[in-house]
C-alpha atoms as a PDB file:
ATOM      1  CA  UNK A   1       0.096  -0.048   0.081  1.00  0.00           C
ATOM      2  CA  UNK A   2       1.200   3.416  -1.049  1.00  0.00           C
ATOM      3  CA  UNK A   3       1.955   6.165   1.574  1.00  0.00           C
ATOM      4  CA  UNK A   4      -0.820   8.172  -0.061  1.00  0.00           C
ATOM      5  CA  UNK A   5      -3.297   5.434   0.464  1.00  0.00           C
ATOM      6  CA  UNK A   6      -2.455   4.744   4.109  1.00  0.00           C
ATOM      7  CA  UNK A   7      -3.044   8.626   4.449  1.00  0.00           C
ATOM      8  CA  UNK A   8      -6.377   8.020   3.149  1.00  0.00           C
ATOM      9  CA  UNK A   9      -7.218   5.359   5.213  1.00  0.00           C
ATOM     10  CA  UNK A  10      -6.143   7.318   8.291  1.00  0.00           C
ATOM     11  CA  UNK A  11      -8.384  10.118   7.167  1.00  0.00           C
ATOM     12  CA  UNK A  12     -11.393   7.913   6.826  1.00  0.00           C
ATOM     13  CA  UNK A  13     -11.149   6.537  10.055  1.00  0.00           C
ATOM     14  CA  UNK A  14     -10.866   9.958  11.615  1.00  0.00           C
ATOM     15  CA  UNK A  15     -13.590  11.345   9.566  1.00  0.00           C
ATOM     16  CA  UNK A  16     -15.848   8.791  11.654  1.00  0.00           C
ATOM     17  CA  UNK A  17     -15.687  10.904  14.664  1.00  0.00           C
ATOM     18  CA  UNK A  18     -16.793  14.140  12.780  1.00  0.00           C
ATOM     19  CA  UNK A  19     -15.969  16.996  15.165  1.00  0.00           C
ATOM     20  CA  UNK A  20     -15.740  14.742  18.025  1.00  0.00           C
ATOM     21  CA  UNK A  21     -12.209  15.390  19.435  1.00  0.00           C
ATOM     22  CA  UNK A  22     -12.898  13.203  22.299  1.00  0.00           C
ATOM     23  CA  UNK A  23     -13.752  10.337  20.243  1.00  0.00           C
ATOM     24  CA  UNK A  24     -10.391  11.297  18.136  1.00  0.00           C
ATOM     25  CA  UNK A  25      -7.803  11.238  21.103  1.00  0.00           C
ATOM     26  CA  UNK A  26      -9.284   7.740  22.129  1.00  0.00           C
ATOM     27  CA  UNK A  27      -8.854   6.639  18.719  1.00  0.00           C
ATOM     28  CA  UNK A  28      -5.251   7.982  19.055  1.00  0.00           C
ATOM     29  CA  UNK A  29      -4.730   6.317  22.353  1.00  0.00           C
ATOM     30  CA  UNK A  30      -5.961   2.822  21.033  1.00  0.00           C
ATOM     31  CA  UNK A  31      -3.143   2.969  18.134  1.00  0.00           C
ATOM     32  CA  UNK A  32      -0.704   3.816  20.796  1.00  0.00           C
ATOM     33  CA  UNK A  33      -1.787   0.815  22.749  1.00  0.00           C
ATOM     34  CA  UNK A  34      -1.503  -1.328  19.735  1.00  0.00           C
ATOM     35  CA  UNK A  35       2.317  -0.159  18.906  1.00  0.00           C
ATOM     36  CA  UNK A  36       3.741  -2.715  21.370  1.00  0.00           C
ATOM     37  CA  UNK A  37       7.004  -2.396  23.047  1.00  0.00           C
ATOM     38  CA  UNK A  38      10.589  -1.494  21.657  1.00  0.00           C
ATOM     39  CA  UNK A  39      13.235  -3.990  22.423  1.00  0.00           C
ATOM     40  CA  UNK A  40      15.373  -2.773  25.297  1.00  0.00           C
ATOM     41  CA  UNK A  41      18.563  -2.934  23.150  1.00  0.00           C
ATOM     42  CA  UNK A  42      16.993   0.234  21.191  1.00  0.00           C
ATOM     43  CA  UNK A  43      16.140   2.200  24.454  1.00  0.00           C
ATOM     44  CA  UNK A  44      19.219   4.216  24.260  1.00  0.00           C
ATOM     45  CA  UNK A  45      19.965   8.124  24.255  1.00  0.00           C
ATOM     46  CA  UNK A  46      20.691   8.090  20.736  1.00  0.00           C
ATOM     47  CA  UNK A  47      17.437   6.900  19.484  1.00  0.00           C
ATOM     48  CA  UNK A  48      15.724   9.471  21.750  1.00  0.00           C
ATOM     49  CA  UNK A  49      13.960  12.086  19.551  1.00  0.00           C
ATOM     50  CA  UNK A  50      15.125  15.514  20.610  1.00  0.00           C
ATOM     51  CA  UNK A  51      12.057  18.140  20.985  1.00  0.00           C
ATOM     52  CA  UNK A  52       9.284  15.889  22.192  1.00  0.00           C
ATOM     53  CA  UNK A  53       8.027  16.813  25.540  1.00  0.00           C
ATOM     54  CA  UNK A  54       7.897  13.136  26.868  1.00  0.00           C
ATOM     55  CA  UNK A  55      10.535  10.460  25.696  1.00  0.00           C
ATOM     56  CA  UNK A  56      10.253   8.872  22.551  1.00  0.00           C
ATOM     57  CA  UNK A  57      12.673   6.381  21.182  1.00  0.00           C
ATOM     58  CA  UNK A  58      12.675   5.517  17.481  1.00  0.00           C
ATOM     59  CA  UNK A  59      14.722   2.892  16.146  1.00  0.00           C
ATOM     60  CA  UNK A  60      15.164   2.933  12.090  1.00  0.00           C
ATOM     61  CA  UNK A  61      16.856   0.237  10.020  1.00  0.00           C
ATOM     62  CA  UNK A  62      17.031  -0.514   6.384  1.00  0.00           C
ATOM     63  CA  UNK A  63      15.511  -4.029   5.071  1.00  0.00           C
ATOM     64  CA  UNK A  64      15.847  -4.719   1.498  1.00  0.00           C
ATOM     65  CA  UNK A  65      15.224  -1.457   0.161  1.00  0.00           C
ATOM     66  CA  UNK A  66      12.896   0.121   2.670  1.00  0.00           C
ATOM     67  CA  UNK A  67      12.915   1.903   5.975  1.00  0.00           C
ATOM     68  CA  UNK A  68      11.403   0.213   8.738  1.00  0.00           C
ATOM     69  CA  UNK A  69      10.561   2.145  12.131  1.00  0.00           C
ATOM     70  CA  UNK A  70       9.811   1.037  15.684  1.00  0.00           C
ATOM     71  CA  UNK A  71       9.200   3.043  18.436  1.00  0.00           C
ATOM     72  CA  UNK A  72       8.013   3.693  21.978  1.00  0.00           C
ATOM     73  CA  UNK A  73       6.939   6.467  24.296  1.00  0.00           C
ATOM     74  CA  UNK A  74       5.918   6.634  28.155  1.00  0.00           C
ATOM     75  CA  UNK A  75       2.960   9.153  27.102  1.00  0.00           C
ATOM     76  CA  UNK A  76      -0.252   7.701  25.597  1.00  0.00           C
ATOM     77  CA  UNK A  77      -0.910  10.435  23.283  1.00  0.00           C
ATOM     78  CA  UNK A  78       2.578  10.512  21.919  1.00  0.00           C
ATOM     79  CA  UNK A  79       2.614   7.001  21.484  1.00  0.00           C
ATOM     80  CA  UNK A  80      -0.541   7.224  19.475  1.00  0.00           C
ATOM     81  CA  UNK A  81       1.254  10.078  17.274  1.00  0.00           C
ATOM     82  CA  UNK A  82       4.274   8.062  16.699  1.00  0.00           C
ATOM     83  CA  UNK A  83       2.292   4.823  15.693  1.00  0.00           C
ATOM     84  CA  UNK A  84       0.361   6.917  13.150  1.00  0.00           C
ATOM     85  CA  UNK A  85       3.816   7.909  11.841  1.00  0.00           C
ATOM     86  CA  UNK A  86       5.133   4.577  11.787  1.00  0.00           C
ATOM     87  CA  UNK A  87       1.879   3.349  10.176  1.00  0.00           C
ATOM     88  CA  UNK A  88       2.406   5.542   7.313  1.00  0.00           C
ATOM     89  CA  UNK A  89       6.158   5.857   6.770  1.00  0.00           C
ATOM     90  CA  UNK A  90       7.504   2.448   7.858  1.00  0.00           C
ATOM     91  CA  UNK A  91       8.067   0.052   4.908  1.00  0.00           C
ATOM     92  CA  UNK A  92       8.627   2.382   2.378  1.00  0.00           C
ATOM     93  CA  UNK A  93      11.707   3.608   0.448  1.00  0.00           C
ATOM     94  CA  UNK A  94      13.712   6.523   1.968  1.00  0.00           C
ATOM     95  CA  UNK A  95      12.787   8.412  -1.431  1.00  0.00           C
ATOM     96  CA  UNK A  96       9.004   7.899  -0.674  1.00  0.00           C
ATOM     97  CA  UNK A  97       9.526   8.930   3.148  1.00  0.00           C
ATOM     98  CA  UNK A  98      11.853  11.833   2.566  1.00  0.00           C
ATOM     99  CA  UNK A  99       9.334  13.185  -0.285  1.00  0.00           C
ATOM    100  CA  UNK A 100       6.165  12.586   1.496  1.00  0.00           C
ATOM    101  CA  UNK A 101       4.045  15.840   2.311  1.00  0.00           C
ATOM    102  CA  UNK A 102       2.057  13.772   4.908  1.00  0.00           C
ATOM    103  CA  UNK A 103      -1.183  15.782   4.292  1.00  0.00           C
ATOM    104  CA  UNK A 104      -3.164  13.428   6.448  1.00  0.00           C
ATOM    105  CA  UNK A 105      -2.060  15.584   9.507  1.00  0.00           C
ATOM    106  CA  UNK A 106      -3.853  18.641   8.334  1.00  0.00           C
ATOM    107  CA  UNK A 107      -6.710  16.943   6.997  1.00  0.00           C
ATOM    108  CA  UNK A 108      -7.861  14.941  10.272  1.00  0.00           C
ATOM    109  CA  UNK A 109      -6.851  18.481  11.996  1.00  0.00           C
ATOM    110  CA  UNK A 110      -4.266  16.648  14.434  1.00  0.00           C
ATOM    111  CA  UNK A 111      -1.774  19.798  14.735  1.00  0.00           C
ATOM    112  CA  UNK A 112      -4.346  22.358  15.453  1.00  0.00           C
ATOM    113  CA  UNK A 113      -5.941  19.953  18.276  1.00  0.00           C
ATOM    114  CA  UNK A 114      -2.505  19.288  19.934  1.00  0.00           C
ATOM    115  CA  UNK A 115      -0.742  21.674  22.564  1.00  0.00           C
ATOM    116  CA  UNK A 116       2.177  23.682  21.449  1.00  0.00           C
ATOM    117  CA  UNK A 117       4.695  21.011  22.951  1.00  0.00           C
ATOM    118  CA  UNK A 118       3.091  18.302  21.369  1.00  0.00           C
ATOM    119  CA  UNK A 119       2.793  19.729  17.876  1.00  0.00           C
ATOM    120  CA  UNK A 120       6.284  20.602  18.171  1.00  0.00           C
ATOM    121  CA  UNK A 121       6.852  16.995  19.069  1.00  0.00           C
ATOM    122  CA  UNK A 122       5.131  15.751  16.152  1.00  0.00           C
ATOM    123  CA  UNK A 123       7.289  18.004  13.959  1.00  0.00           C
ATOM    124  CA  UNK A 124      10.391  16.495  15.900  1.00  0.00           C
ATOM    125  CA  UNK A 125       8.835  12.756  15.063  1.00  0.00           C
ATOM    126  CA  UNK A 126       8.409  13.802  11.415  1.00  0.00           C
ATOM    127  CA  UNK A 127      11.971  15.313  11.097  1.00  0.00           C
ATOM    128  CA  UNK A 128      13.599  12.468  12.745  1.00  0.00           C
ATOM    129  CA  UNK A 129      12.194   9.947  10.506  1.00  0.00           C
ATOM    130  CA  UNK A 130      13.004  11.795   7.351  1.00  0.00           C
ATOM    131  CA  UNK A 131      16.482  12.331   8.293  1.00  0.00           C
ATOM    132  CA  UNK A 132      16.835   8.664   9.368  1.00  0.00           C
ATOM    133  CA  UNK A 133      15.370   7.688   5.879  1.00  0.00           C
ATOM    134  CA  UNK A 134      18.162  10.151   4.407  1.00  0.00           C
ATOM    135  CA  UNK A 135      20.985   8.389   6.543  1.00  0.00           C
ATOM    136  CA  UNK A 136      19.967   4.717   5.621  1.00  0.00           C
ATOM    137  CA  UNK A 137      19.562   5.781   1.979  1.00  0.00           C
ATOM    138  CA  UNK A 138      23.375   6.332   1.603  1.00  0.00           C
END
């Protein structure tokens, strides 16, 4: 499935809730609960995403020609946000990851309904994932 198709799928999921942001947050929390845990060996200082209010560890690796992301966070909303980003970006080529505009974020209204610190954390997540993709493409 392409990044664009995954984004469209997420937009459709969030449209079910209409303007009910409590429902959207619950959905985000559920996505985080399904993220699973990160192997302890990857919970190192180098894997912490700088700029996030709560600690988020991101492990990135290249398998075949695709970048695979795994992550964990201590905070439930942040865990849901990183789960969304992994769902969209993991398993794609570095070129696809780097070039995507991630339009689903604005379409579901996520950034505007996050606190400023969480919105900054989301931007930090995206930047880190794209930087890891660039690094692993070399």
